[in-house]
Amino acid sequence: MPRSVNHVASRKRRKRILNLTKGYFGSRKNVWTVAKNTWEKGLLYAYRDRKAKKRSFRALWIQRINAAARLEGSSYSRLMGALHKSGIVINRKVLADLAMNHPEAFKAIVQKAKNA
């Protein structure tokens, strides 16, 4: 007796992957094995870069805080040390936002950290 193969399910599975790889270059979009490998590698890149995104944003915040702190006559490390010593608990994301969009509020925080 011949082997029974569920063509409907396997075609559906392949079609799903090929639909996910639409817009890719060359055979990456329409050759099954290449498309499958490309799609799987893309999932790995997505996972990795979700982690890297957090690192790059933290680096950006630190650069912005450092630039604003230098305008106030300090440096990033001295400012963060003064903030911790004075007991001001504020994260880098908010501090960078204040430095960019509300320089007067950032200046007030710097003065409070220096005086304490």
PDB file of N, CA and C in Angstrom:
ATOM      1  N   MET A   1       0.843  -1.178   0.000  1.00  0.00           N
ATOM      2  CA  MET A   1       0.000   0.000   0.000  1.00  0.00           C
ATOM      3  C   MET A   1       0.891   1.245   0.000  1.00  0.00           C
ATOM      4  N   PRO A   2       0.563   2.231  -0.822  1.00  0.00           N
ATOM      5  CA  PRO A   2       1.394   3.432  -0.869  1.00  0.00           C
ATOM      6  C   PRO A   2       1.266   4.247   0.422  1.00  0.00           C
ATOM      7  N   ARG A   3       2.334   4.989   0.668  1.00  0.00           N
ATOM      8  CA  ARG A   3       2.374   5.820   1.875  1.00  0.00           C
ATOM      9  C   ARG A   3       1.428   7.007   1.716  1.00  0.00           C
ATOM     10  N   SER A   4       0.678   7.288   2.757  1.00  0.00           N
ATOM     11  CA  SER A   4      -0.245   8.420   2.729  1.00  0.00           C
ATOM     12  C   SER A   4       0.467   9.655   3.276  1.00  0.00           C
ATOM     13  N   VAL A   5       0.469  10.705   2.472  1.00  0.00           N
ATOM     14  CA  VAL A   5       1.145  11.938   2.868  1.00  0.00           C
ATOM     15  C   VAL A   5       0.096  13.049   2.916  1.00  0.00           C
ATOM     16  N   ASN A   6       0.114  13.797   3.973  1.00  0.00           N
ATOM     17  CA  ASN A   6      -0.857  14.876   4.138  1.00  0.00           C
ATOM     18  C   ASN A   6      -0.340  16.125   3.416  1.00  0.00           C
ATOM     19  N   HIS A   7      -0.608  16.208   2.117  1.00  0.00           N
ATOM     20  CA  HIS A   7      -0.116  17.331   1.331  1.00  0.00           C
ATOM     21  C   HIS A   7      -0.723  18.649   1.772  1.00  0.00           C
ATOM     22  N   VAL A   8      -1.944  18.620   2.248  1.00  0.00           N
ATOM     23  CA  VAL A   8      -2.604  19.862   2.654  1.00  0.00           C
ATOM     24  C   VAL A   8      -1.846  20.514   3.803  1.00  0.00           C
ATOM     25  N   ALA A   9      -1.497  19.738   4.808  1.00  0.00           N
ATOM     26  CA  ALA A   9      -0.821  20.279   5.983  1.00  0.00           C
ATOM     27  C   ALA A   9       0.589  20.746   5.646  1.00  0.00           C
ATOM     28  N   SER A  10       1.327  19.946   4.865  1.00  0.00           N
ATOM     29  CA  SER A  10       2.704  20.330   4.544  1.00  0.00           C
ATOM     30  C   SER A  10       2.732  21.563   3.643  1.00  0.00           C
ATOM     31  N   ARG A  11       1.792  21.660   2.717  1.00  0.00           N
ATOM     32  CA  ARG A  11       1.725  22.839   1.851  1.00  0.00           C
ATOM     33  C   ARG A  11       1.378  24.083   2.670  1.00  0.00           C
ATOM     34  N   LYS A  12       0.469  23.918   3.624  1.00  0.00           N
ATOM     35  CA  LYS A  12       0.085  25.040   4.483  1.00  0.00           C
ATOM     36  C   LYS A  12       1.283  25.520   5.304  1.00  0.00           C
ATOM     37  N   ARG A  13       2.048  24.554   5.822  1.00  0.00           N
ATOM     38  CA  ARG A  13       3.217  24.889   6.627  1.00  0.00           C
ATOM     39  C   ARG A  13       4.250  25.653   5.792  1.00  0.00           C
ATOM     40  N   ARG A  14       4.507  25.171   4.587  1.00  0.00           N
ATOM     41  CA  ARG A  14       5.471  25.839   3.714  1.00  0.00           C
ATOM     42  C   ARG A  14       4.970  27.211   3.275  1.00  0.00           C
ATOM     43  N   LYS A  15       3.692  27.306   2.980  1.00  0.00           N
ATOM     44  CA  LYS A  15       3.110  28.569   2.520  1.00  0.00           C
ATOM     45  C   LYS A  15       3.204  29.640   3.609  1.00  0.00           C
ATOM     46  N   ARG A  16       3.034  29.210   4.845  1.00  0.00           N
ATOM     47  CA  ARG A  16       3.125  30.160   5.959  1.00  0.00           C
ATOM     48  C   ARG A  16       4.510  30.793   6.028  1.00  0.00           C
ATOM     49  N   ILE A  17       5.544  29.964   5.916  1.00  0.00           N
ATOM     50  CA  ILE A  17       6.919  30.472   5.954  1.00  0.00           C
ATOM     51  C   ILE A  17       7.195  31.359   4.743  1.00  0.00           C
ATOM     52  N   LEU A  18       6.740  30.932   3.556  1.00  0.00           N
ATOM     53  CA  LEU A  18       6.979  31.723   2.356  1.00  0.00           C
ATOM     54  C   LEU A  18       6.250  33.061   2.412  1.00  0.00           C
ATOM     55  N   ASN A  19       5.095  33.103   3.059  1.00  0.00           N
ATOM     56  CA  ASN A  19       4.411  34.383   3.239  1.00  0.00           C
ATOM     57  C   ASN A  19       5.176  35.288   4.197  1.00  0.00           C
ATOM     58  N   LEU A  20       5.835  34.682   5.203  1.00  0.00           N
ATOM     59  CA  LEU A  20       6.612  35.473   6.157  1.00  0.00           C
ATOM     60  C   LEU A  20       7.880  36.038   5.541  1.00  0.00           C
ATOM     61  N   THR A  21       8.367  35.416   4.461  1.00  0.00           N
ATOM     62  CA  THR A  21       9.608  35.878   3.848  1.00  0.00           C
ATOM     63  C   THR A  21       9.358  36.747   2.621  1.00  0.00           C
ATOM     64  N   LYS A  22       8.134  37.200   2.428  1.00  0.00           N
ATOM     65  CA  LYS A  22       7.848  38.110   1.311  1.00  0.00           C
ATOM     66  C   LYS A  22       8.658  39.377   1.468  1.00  0.00           C
ATOM     67  N   GLY A  23       9.191  39.869   0.362  1.00  0.00           N
ATOM     68  CA  GLY A  23       9.977  41.093   0.392  1.00  0.00           C
ATOM     69  C   GLY A  23      11.462  40.846   0.550  1.00  0.00           C
ATOM     70  N   TYR A  24      11.877  39.608   0.811  1.00  0.00           N
ATOM     71  CA  TYR A  24      13.295  39.298   0.904  1.00  0.00           C
ATOM     72  C   TYR A  24      13.893  39.279  -0.494  1.00  0.00           C
ATOM     73  N   PHE A  25      15.210  39.357  -0.596  1.00  0.00           N
ATOM     74  CA  PHE A  25      15.898  39.455  -1.879  1.00  0.00           C
ATOM     75  C   PHE A  25      16.139  38.074  -2.488  1.00  0.00           C
ATOM     76  N   GLY A  26      15.944  37.993  -3.776  1.00  0.00           N
ATOM     77  CA  GLY A  26      16.316  36.796  -4.532  1.00  0.00           C
ATOM     78  C   GLY A  26      15.579  35.556  -4.089  1.00  0.00           C
ATOM     79  N   SER A  27      16.328  34.463  -4.002  1.00  0.00           N
ATOM     80  CA  SER A  27      15.714  33.175  -3.677  1.00  0.00           C
ATOM     81  C   SER A  27      15.325  33.068  -2.207  1.00  0.00           C
ATOM     82  N   ARG A  28      15.677  34.066  -1.414  1.00  0.00           N
ATOM     83  CA  ARG A  28      15.304  34.035   0.004  1.00  0.00           C
ATOM     84  C   ARG A  28      13.792  34.113   0.195  1.00  0.00           C
ATOM     85  N   LYS A  29      13.072  34.565  -0.830  1.00  0.00           N
ATOM     86  CA  LYS A  29      11.632  34.721  -0.687  1.00  0.00           C
ATOM     87  C   LYS A  29      10.820  33.586  -1.291  1.00  0.00           C
ATOM     88  N   ASN A  30      11.408  32.781  -2.206  1.00  0.00           N
ATOM     89  CA  ASN A  30      10.563  31.800  -2.899  1.00  0.00           C
ATOM     90  C   ASN A  30      11.131  30.385  -2.970  1.00  0.00           C
ATOM     91  N   VAL A  31      12.368  30.166  -2.560  1.00  0.00           N
ATOM     92  CA  VAL A  31      12.917  28.812  -2.512  1.00  0.00           C
ATOM     93  C   VAL A  31      12.765  28.322  -1.075  1.00  0.00           C
ATOM     94  N   TRP A  32      12.083  27.196  -0.924  1.00  0.00           N
ATOM     95  CA  TRP A  32      11.663  26.744   0.400  1.00  0.00           C
ATOM     96  C   TRP A  32      12.809  26.642   1.398  1.00  0.00           C
ATOM     97  N   THR A  33      13.878  25.933   1.051  1.00  0.00           N
ATOM     98  CA  THR A  33      14.944  25.708   2.036  1.00  0.00           C
ATOM     99  C   THR A  33      15.650  27.011   2.383  1.00  0.00           C
ATOM    100  N   VAL A  34      15.908  27.843   1.377  1.00  0.00           N
ATOM    101  CA  VAL A  34      16.581  29.117   1.631  1.00  0.00           C
ATOM    102  C   VAL A  34      15.679  30.030   2.458  1.00  0.00           C
ATOM    103  N   ALA A  35      14.391  30.079   2.107  1.00  0.00           N
ATOM    104  CA  ALA A  35      13.449  30.925   2.839  1.00  0.00           C
ATOM    105  C   ALA A  35      13.315  30.475   4.289  1.00  0.00           C
ATOM    106  N   LYS A  36      13.273  29.176   4.499  1.00  0.00           N
ATOM    107  CA  LYS A  36      13.140  28.650   5.863  1.00  0.00           C
ATOM    108  C   LYS A  36      14.362  29.021   6.705  1.00  0.00           C
ATOM    109  N   ASN A  37      15.547  28.850   6.134  1.00  0.00           N
ATOM    110  CA  ASN A  37      16.774  29.197   6.853  1.00  0.00           C
ATOM    111  C   ASN A  37      16.832  30.696   7.145  1.00  0.00           C
ATOM    112  N   THR A  38      16.442  31.504   6.175  1.00  0.00           N
ATOM    113  CA  THR A  38      16.453  32.954   6.350  1.00  0.00           C
ATOM    114  C   THR A  38      15.481  33.378   7.440  1.00  0.00           C
ATOM    115  N   TRP A  39      14.302  32.783   7.444  1.00  0.00           N
ATOM    116  CA  TRP A  39      13.294  33.106   8.444  1.00  0.00           C
ATOM    117  C   TRP A  39      13.771  32.731   9.852  1.00  0.00           C
ATOM    118  N   GLU A  40      14.362  31.537   9.974  1.00  0.00           N
ATOM    119  CA  GLU A  40      14.864  31.099  11.287  1.00  0.00           C
ATOM    120  C   GLU A  40      15.984  32.005  11.775  1.00  0.00           C
ATOM    121  N   LYS A  41      16.892  32.389  10.876  1.00  0.00           N
ATOM    122  CA  LYS A  41      17.996  33.272  11.247  1.00  0.00           C
ATOM    123  C   LYS A  41      17.450  34.644  11.658  1.00  0.00           C
ATOM    124  N   GLY A  42      16.395  35.082  10.971  1.00  0.00           N
ATOM    125  CA  GLY A  42      15.776  36.353  11.322  1.00  0.00           C
ATOM    126  C   GLY A  42      15.210  36.354  12.726  1.00  0.00           C
ATOM    127  N   LEU A  43      14.650  35.217  13.151  1.00  0.00           N
ATOM    128  CA  LEU A  43      14.153  35.114  14.520  1.00  0.00           C
ATOM    129  C   LEU A  43      15.288  35.239  15.528  1.00  0.00           C
ATOM    130  N   LEU A  44      16.439  34.651  15.201  1.00  0.00           N
ATOM    131  CA  LEU A  44      17.600  34.766  16.085  1.00  0.00           C
ATOM    132  C   LEU A  44      18.083  36.204  16.178  1.00  0.00           C
ATOM    133  N   TYR A  45      18.151  36.876  15.025  1.00  0.00           N
ATOM    134  CA  TYR A  45      18.563  38.275  15.021  1.00  0.00           C
ATOM    135  C   TYR A  45      17.590  39.128  15.834  1.00  0.00           C
ATOM    136  N   ALA A  46      16.304  38.856  15.697  1.00  0.00           N
ATOM    137  CA  ALA A  46      15.301  39.637  16.423  1.00  0.00           C
ATOM    138  C   ALA A  46      15.474  39.464  17.928  1.00  0.00           C
ATOM    139  N   TYR A  47      15.707  38.234  18.378  1.00  0.00           N
ATOM    140  CA  TYR A  47      15.904  37.969  19.798  1.00  0.00           C
ATOM    141  C   TYR A  47      17.157  38.689  20.301  1.00  0.00           C
ATOM    142  N   ARG A  48      18.246  38.550  19.545  1.00  0.00           N
ATOM    143  CA  ARG A  48      19.517  39.166  19.943  1.00  0.00           C
ATOM    144  C   ARG A  48      19.380  40.687  20.014  1.00  0.00           C
ATOM    145  N   ASP A  49      18.736  41.266  19.011  1.00  0.00           N
ATOM    146  CA  ASP A  49      18.699  42.714  18.930  1.00  0.00           C
ATOM    147  C   ASP A  49      17.693  43.343  19.886  1.00  0.00           C
ATOM    148  N   ARG A  50      16.741  42.564  20.389  1.00  0.00           N
ATOM    149  CA  ARG A  50      15.898  43.095  21.461  1.00  0.00           C
ATOM    150  C   ARG A  50      16.739  43.345  22.705  1.00  0.00           C
ATOM    151  N   LYS A  51      17.747  42.514  22.916  1.00  0.00           N
ATOM    152  CA  LYS A  51      18.660  42.715  24.043  1.00  0.00           C
ATOM    153  C   LYS A  51      19.619  43.873  23.766  1.00  0.00           C
ATOM    154  N   ALA A  52      20.143  43.930  22.529  1.00  0.00           N
ATOM    155  CA  ALA A  52      21.103  44.970  22.166  1.00  0.00           C
ATOM    156  C   ALA A  52      20.462  46.358  22.191  1.00  0.00           C
ATOM    157  N   LYS A  53      19.179  46.425  21.897  1.00  0.00           N
ATOM    158  CA  LYS A  53      18.462  47.698  21.899  1.00  0.00           C
ATOM    159  C   LYS A  53      18.518  48.352  23.272  1.00  0.00           C
ATOM    160  N   LYS A  54      18.379  47.551  24.311  1.00  0.00           N
ATOM    161  CA  LYS A  54      18.426  48.070  25.674  1.00  0.00           C
ATOM    162  C   LYS A  54      19.804  48.654  25.977  1.00  0.00           C
ATOM    163  N   ARG A  55      20.861  47.950  25.510  1.00  0.00           N
ATOM    164  CA  ARG A  55      22.222  48.437  25.732  1.00  0.00           C
ATOM    165  C   ARG A  55      22.469  49.745  25.000  1.00  0.00           C
ATOM    166  N   SER A  56      22.005  49.828  23.755  1.00  0.00           N
ATOM    167  CA  SER A  56      22.285  51.031  22.969  1.00  0.00           C
ATOM    168  C   SER A  56      21.504  52.232  23.510  1.00  0.00           C
ATOM    169  N   PHE A  57      20.300  52.012  24.009  1.00  0.00           N
ATOM    170  CA  PHE A  57      19.557  53.127  24.587  1.00  0.00           C
ATOM    171  C   PHE A  57      20.203  53.613  25.870  1.00  0.00           C
ATOM    172  N   ARG A  58      20.711  52.694  26.693  1.00  0.00           N
ATOM    173  CA  ARG A  58      21.391  53.115  27.916  1.00  0.00           C
ATOM    174  C   ARG A  58      22.626  53.942  27.579  1.00  0.00           C
ATOM    175  N   ALA A  59      23.365  53.533  26.548  1.00  0.00           N
ATOM    176  CA  ALA A  59      24.550  54.289  26.120  1.00  0.00           C
ATOM    177  C   ALA A  59      24.151  55.685  25.642  1.00  0.00           C
ATOM    178  N   LEU A  60      23.051  55.776  24.917  1.00  0.00           N
ATOM    179  CA  LEU A  60      22.562  57.074  24.445  1.00  0.00           C
ATOM    180  C   LEU A  60      22.186  57.978  25.606  1.00  0.00           C
ATOM    181  N   TRP A  61      21.482  57.419  26.598  1.00  0.00           N
ATOM    182  CA  TRP A  61      21.101  58.215  27.765  1.00  0.00           C
ATOM    183  C   TRP A  61      22.332  58.742  28.486  1.00  0.00           C
ATOM    184  N   ILE A  62      23.347  57.897  28.631  1.00  0.00           N
ATOM    185  CA  ILE A  62      24.569  58.309  29.329  1.00  0.00           C
ATOM    186  C   ILE A  62      25.257  59.430  28.568  1.00  0.00           C
ATOM    187  N   GLN A  63      25.308  59.336  27.239  1.00  0.00           N
ATOM    188  CA  GLN A  63      25.928  60.399  26.440  1.00  0.00           C
ATOM    189  C   GLN A  63      25.179  61.712  26.603  1.00  0.00           C
ATOM    190  N   ARG A  64      23.861  61.665  26.610  1.00  0.00           N
ATOM    191  CA  ARG A  64      23.064  62.882  26.760  1.00  0.00           C
ATOM    192  C   ARG A  64      23.239  63.503  28.140  1.00  0.00           C
ATOM    193  N   ILE A  65      23.264  62.657  29.166  1.00  0.00           N
ATOM    194  CA  ILE A  65      23.455  63.162  30.528  1.00  0.00           C
ATOM    195  C   ILE A  65      24.842  63.788  30.657  1.00  0.00           C
ATOM    196  N   ASN A  66      25.837  63.140  30.080  1.00  0.00           N
ATOM    197  CA  ASN A  66      27.206  63.642  30.145  1.00  0.00           C
ATOM    198  C   ASN A  66      27.310  65.000  29.459  1.00  0.00           C
ATOM    199  N   ALA A  67      26.698  65.138  28.282  1.00  0.00           N
ATOM    200  CA  ALA A  67      26.754  66.413  27.561  1.00  0.00           C
ATOM    201  C   ALA A  67      26.096  67.526  28.372  1.00  0.00           C
ATOM    202  N   ALA A  68      24.929  67.230  28.958  1.00  0.00           N
ATOM    203  CA  ALA A  68      24.229  68.241  29.752  1.00  0.00           C
ATOM    204  C   ALA A  68      24.989  68.550  31.033  1.00  0.00           C
ATOM    205  N   ALA A  69      25.603  67.538  31.637  1.00  0.00           N
ATOM    206  CA  ALA A  69      26.359  67.749  32.874  1.00  0.00           C
ATOM    207  C   ALA A  69      27.578  68.623  32.614  1.00  0.00           C
ATOM    208  N   ARG A  70      28.206  68.446  31.477  1.00  0.00           N
ATOM    209  CA  ARG A  70      29.379  69.268  31.143  1.00  0.00           C
ATOM    210  C   ARG A  70      28.995  70.726  30.921  1.00  0.00           C
ATOM    211  N   LEU A  71      27.774  70.966  30.427  1.00  0.00           N
ATOM    212  CA  LEU A  71      27.298  72.351  30.308  1.00  0.00           C
ATOM    213  C   LEU A  71      27.117  72.992  31.683  1.00  0.00           C
ATOM    214  N   GLU A  72      26.879  72.160  32.690  1.00  0.00           N
ATOM    215  CA  GLU A  72      26.718  72.643  34.065  1.00  0.00           C
ATOM    216  C   GLU A  72      28.035  72.623  34.837  1.00  0.00           C
ATOM    217  N   GLY A  73      29.140  72.306  34.165  1.00  0.00           N
ATOM    218  CA  GLY A  73      30.455  72.341  34.806  1.00  0.00           C
ATOM    219  C   GLY A  73      30.804  71.092  35.585  1.00  0.00           C
ATOM    220  N   SER A  74      30.226  69.976  35.239  1.00  0.00           N
ATOM    221  CA  SER A  74      30.509  68.718  35.912  1.00  0.00           C
ATOM    222  C   SER A  74      30.759  67.659  34.847  1.00  0.00           C
ATOM    223  N   SER A  75      30.885  66.424  35.257  1.00  0.00           N
ATOM    224  CA  SER A  75      30.983  65.323  34.301  1.00  0.00           C
ATOM    225  C   SER A  75      29.940  64.282  34.691  1.00  0.00           C
ATOM    226  N   TYR A  76      29.768  63.302  33.823  1.00  0.00           N
ATOM    227  CA  TYR A  76      28.759  62.268  34.090  1.00  0.00           C
ATOM    228  C   TYR A  76      29.066  61.540  35.394  1.00  0.00           C
ATOM    229  N   SER A  77      30.301  61.118  35.555  1.00  0.00           N
ATOM    230  CA  SER A  77      30.627  60.305  36.729  1.00  0.00           C
ATOM    231  C   SER A  77      30.513  61.111  38.019  1.00  0.00           C
ATOM    232  N   ARG A  78      30.950  62.370  37.996  1.00  0.00           N
ATOM    233  CA  ARG A  78      30.823  63.206  39.183  1.00  0.00           C
ATOM    234  C   ARG A  78      29.357  63.487  39.513  1.00  0.00           C
ATOM    235  N   LEU A  79      28.575  63.714  38.468  1.00  0.00           N
ATOM    236  CA  LEU A  79      27.149  63.972  38.675  1.00  0.00           C
ATOM    237  C   LEU A  79      26.445  62.758  39.267  1.00  0.00           C
ATOM    238  N   MET A  80      26.689  61.584  38.694  1.00  0.00           N
ATOM    239  CA  MET A  80      26.027  60.380  39.200  1.00  0.00           C
ATOM    240  C   MET A  80      26.475  60.067  40.626  1.00  0.00           C
ATOM    241  N   GLY A  81      27.749  60.297  40.923  1.00  0.00           N
ATOM    242  CA  GLY A  81      28.238  60.110  42.289  1.00  0.00           C
ATOM    243  C   GLY A  81      27.551  61.051  43.264  1.00  0.00           C
ATOM    244  N   ALA A  82      27.389  62.310  42.837  1.00  0.00           N
ATOM    245  CA  ALA A  82      26.724  63.297  43.697  1.00  0.00           C
ATOM    246  C   ALA A  82      25.247  62.952  43.889  1.00  0.00           C
ATOM    247  N   LEU A  83      24.606  62.469  42.842  1.00  0.00           N
ATOM    248  CA  LEU A  83      23.195  62.080  42.964  1.00  0.00           C
ATOM    249  C   LEU A  83      23.024  60.949  43.964  1.00  0.00           C
ATOM    250  N   HIS A  84      23.897  59.940  43.875  1.00  0.00           N
ATOM    251  CA  HIS A  84      23.797  58.806  44.794  1.00  0.00           C
ATOM    252  C   HIS A  84      24.107  59.234  46.225  1.00  0.00           C
ATOM    253  N   LYS A  85      25.114  60.096  46.359  1.00  0.00           N
ATOM    254  CA  LYS A  85      25.498  60.545  47.696  1.00  0.00           C
ATOM    255  C   LYS A  85      24.400  61.376  48.354  1.00  0.00           C
ATOM    256  N   SER A  86      23.700  62.198  47.539  1.00  0.00           N
ATOM    257  CA  SER A  86      22.640  63.047  48.084  1.00  0.00           C
ATOM    258  C   SER A  86      21.312  62.313  48.236  1.00  0.00           C
ATOM    259  N   GLY A  87      21.239  61.069  47.764  1.00  0.00           N
ATOM    260  CA  GLY A  87      20.038  60.269  47.935  1.00  0.00           C
ATOM    261  C   GLY A  87      18.954  60.542  46.908  1.00  0.00           C
ATOM    262  N   ILE A  88      19.312  61.198  45.811  1.00  0.00           N
ATOM    263  CA  ILE A  88      18.345  61.453  44.740  1.00  0.00           C
ATOM    264  C   ILE A  88      18.284  60.214  43.862  1.00  0.00           C
ATOM    265  N   VAL A  89      17.125  59.562  43.852  1.00  0.00           N
ATOM    266  CA  VAL A  89      16.954  58.335  43.064  1.00  0.00           C
ATOM    267  C   VAL A  89      16.189  58.696  41.796  1.00  0.00           C
ATOM    268  N   ILE A  90      16.897  58.723  40.678  1.00  0.00           N
ATOM    269  CA  ILE A  90      16.287  59.027  39.391  1.00  0.00           C
ATOM    270  C   ILE A  90      17.030  58.216  38.335  1.00  0.00           C
ATOM    271  N   ASN A  91      16.279  57.569  37.456  1.00  0.00           N
ATOM    272  CA  ASN A  91      16.948  56.693  36.499  1.00  0.00           C
ATOM    273  C   ASN A  91      17.493  57.488  35.311  1.00  0.00           C
ATOM    274  N   ARG A  92      18.363  56.840  34.542  1.00  0.00           N
ATOM    275  CA  ARG A  92      19.059  57.513  33.450  1.00  0.00           C
ATOM    276  C   ARG A  92      18.119  57.935  32.327  1.00  0.00           C
ATOM    277  N   LYS A  93      17.070  57.155  32.104  1.00  0.00           N
ATOM    278  CA  LYS A  93      16.118  57.493  31.048  1.00  0.00           C
ATOM    279  C   LYS A  93      15.438  58.832  31.333  1.00  0.00           C
ATOM    280  N   VAL A  94      14.954  58.995  32.546  1.00  0.00           N
ATOM    281  CA  VAL A  94      14.274  60.231  32.934  1.00  0.00           C
ATOM    282  C   VAL A  94      15.262  61.385  32.979  1.00  0.00           C
ATOM    283  N   LEU A  95      16.464  61.132  33.501  1.00  0.00           N
ATOM    284  CA  LEU A  95      17.484  62.176  33.593  1.00  0.00           C
ATOM    285  C   LEU A  95      17.886  62.671  32.206  1.00  0.00           C
ATOM    286  N   ALA A  96      18.018  61.750  31.257  1.00  0.00           N
ATOM    287  CA  ALA A  96      18.359  62.136  29.884  1.00  0.00           C
ATOM    288  C   ALA A  96      17.223  62.925  29.248  1.00  0.00           C
ATOM    289  N   ASP A  97      15.980  62.533  29.536  1.00  0.00           N
ATOM    290  CA  ASP A  97      14.838  63.268  28.999  1.00  0.00           C
ATOM    291  C   ASP A  97      14.796  64.683  29.560  1.00  0.00           C
ATOM    292  N   LEU A  98      15.062  64.820  30.842  1.00  0.00           N
ATOM    293  CA  LEU A  98      15.117  66.154  31.437  1.00  0.00           C
ATOM    294  C   LEU A  98      16.234  66.981  30.821  1.00  0.00           C
ATOM    295  N   ALA A  99      17.383  66.372  30.605  1.00  0.00           N
ATOM    296  CA  ALA A  99      18.518  67.084  30.026  1.00  0.00           C
ATOM    297  C   ALA A  99      18.204  67.587  28.623  1.00  0.00           C
ATOM    298  N   MET A 100      17.453  66.785  27.851  1.00  0.00           N
ATOM    299  CA  MET A 100      17.131  67.178  26.479  1.00  0.00           C
ATOM    300  C   MET A 100      15.973  68.172  26.407  1.00  0.00           C
ATOM    301  N   ASN A 101      14.892  67.901  27.126  1.00  0.00           N
ATOM    302  CA  ASN A 101      13.653  68.642  26.928  1.00  0.00           C
ATOM    303  C   ASN A 101      13.358  69.691  27.998  1.00  0.00           C
ATOM    304  N   HIS A 102      13.960  69.525  29.179  1.00  0.00           N
ATOM    305  CA  HIS A 102      13.702  70.471  30.276  1.00  0.00           C
ATOM    306  C   HIS A 102      15.029  70.828  30.950  1.00  0.00           C
ATOM    307  N   PRO A 103      15.847  71.635  30.281  1.00  0.00           N
ATOM    308  CA  PRO A 103      17.175  71.921  30.840  1.00  0.00           C
ATOM    309  C   PRO A 103      17.141  72.633  32.192  1.00  0.00           C
ATOM    310  N   GLU A 104      16.096  73.435  32.440  1.00  0.00           N
ATOM    311  CA  GLU A 104      16.018  74.134  33.726  1.00  0.00           C
ATOM    312  C   GLU A 104      15.770  73.149  34.875  1.00  0.00           C
ATOM    313  N   ALA A 105      14.971  72.110  34.623  1.00  0.00           N
ATOM    314  CA  ALA A 105      14.740  71.085  35.642  1.00  0.00           C
ATOM    315  C   ALA A 105      16.014  70.275  35.880  1.00  0.00           C
ATOM    316  N   PHE A 106      16.733  69.984  34.793  1.00  0.00           N
ATOM    317  CA  PHE A 106      18.000  69.252  34.921  1.00  0.00           C
ATOM    318  C   PHE A 106      19.001  70.080  35.735  1.00  0.00           C
ATOM    319  N   LYS A 107      19.030  71.373  35.457  1.00  0.00           N
ATOM    320  CA  LYS A 107      19.939  72.257  36.178  1.00  0.00           C
ATOM    321  C   LYS A 107      19.628  72.275  37.665  1.00  0.00           C
ATOM    322  N   ALA A 108      18.329  72.283  38.005  1.00  0.00           N
ATOM    323  CA  ALA A 108      17.917  72.263  39.403  1.00  0.00           C
ATOM    324  C   ALA A 108      18.347  70.967  40.096  1.00  0.00           C
ATOM    325  N   ILE A 109      18.241  69.856  39.383  1.00  0.00           N
ATOM    326  CA  ILE A 109      18.679  68.580  39.963  1.00  0.00           C
ATOM    327  C   ILE A 109      20.181  68.574  40.193  1.00  0.00           C
ATOM    328  N   VAL A 110      20.929  69.107  39.233  1.00  0.00           N
ATOM    329  CA  VAL A 110      22.386  69.176  39.369  1.00  0.00           C
ATOM    330  C   VAL A 110      22.761  70.038  40.572  1.00  0.00           C
ATOM    331  N   GLN A 111      22.105  71.191  40.729  1.00  0.00           N
ATOM    332  CA  GLN A 111      22.399  72.075  41.859  1.00  0.00           C
ATOM    333  C   GLN A 111      22.072  71.398  43.190  1.00  0.00           C
ATOM    334  N   LYS A 112      20.950  70.714  43.225  1.00  0.00           N
ATOM    335  CA  LYS A 112      20.557  70.008  44.467  1.00  0.00           C
ATOM    336  C   LYS A 112      21.573  68.908  44.803  1.00  0.00           C
ATOM    337  N   ALA A 113      22.070  68.222  43.784  1.00  0.00           N
ATOM    338  CA  ALA A 113      23.053  67.156  44.024  1.00  0.00           C
ATOM    339  C   ALA A 113      24.374  67.739  44.491  1.00  0.00           C
ATOM    340  N   LYS A 114      24.768  68.876  43.921  1.00  0.00           N
ATOM    341  CA  LYS A 114      26.033  69.505  44.309  1.00  0.00           C
ATOM    342  C   LYS A 114      25.981  70.049  45.739  1.00  0.00           C
ATOM    343  N   ASN A 115      24.831  70.614  46.118  1.00  0.00           N
ATOM    344  CA  ASN A 115      24.716  71.249  47.440  1.00  0.00           C
ATOM    345  C   ASN A 115      24.585  70.229  48.564  1.00  0.00           C
ATOM    346  N   ALA A 116      24.070  69.060  48.274  1.00  0.00           N
ATOM    347  CA  ALA A 116      23.847  68.057  49.327  1.00  0.00           C
ATOM    348  C   ALA A 116      25.106  67.288  49.657  1.00  0.00           C
TER     349      ALA A 116
END
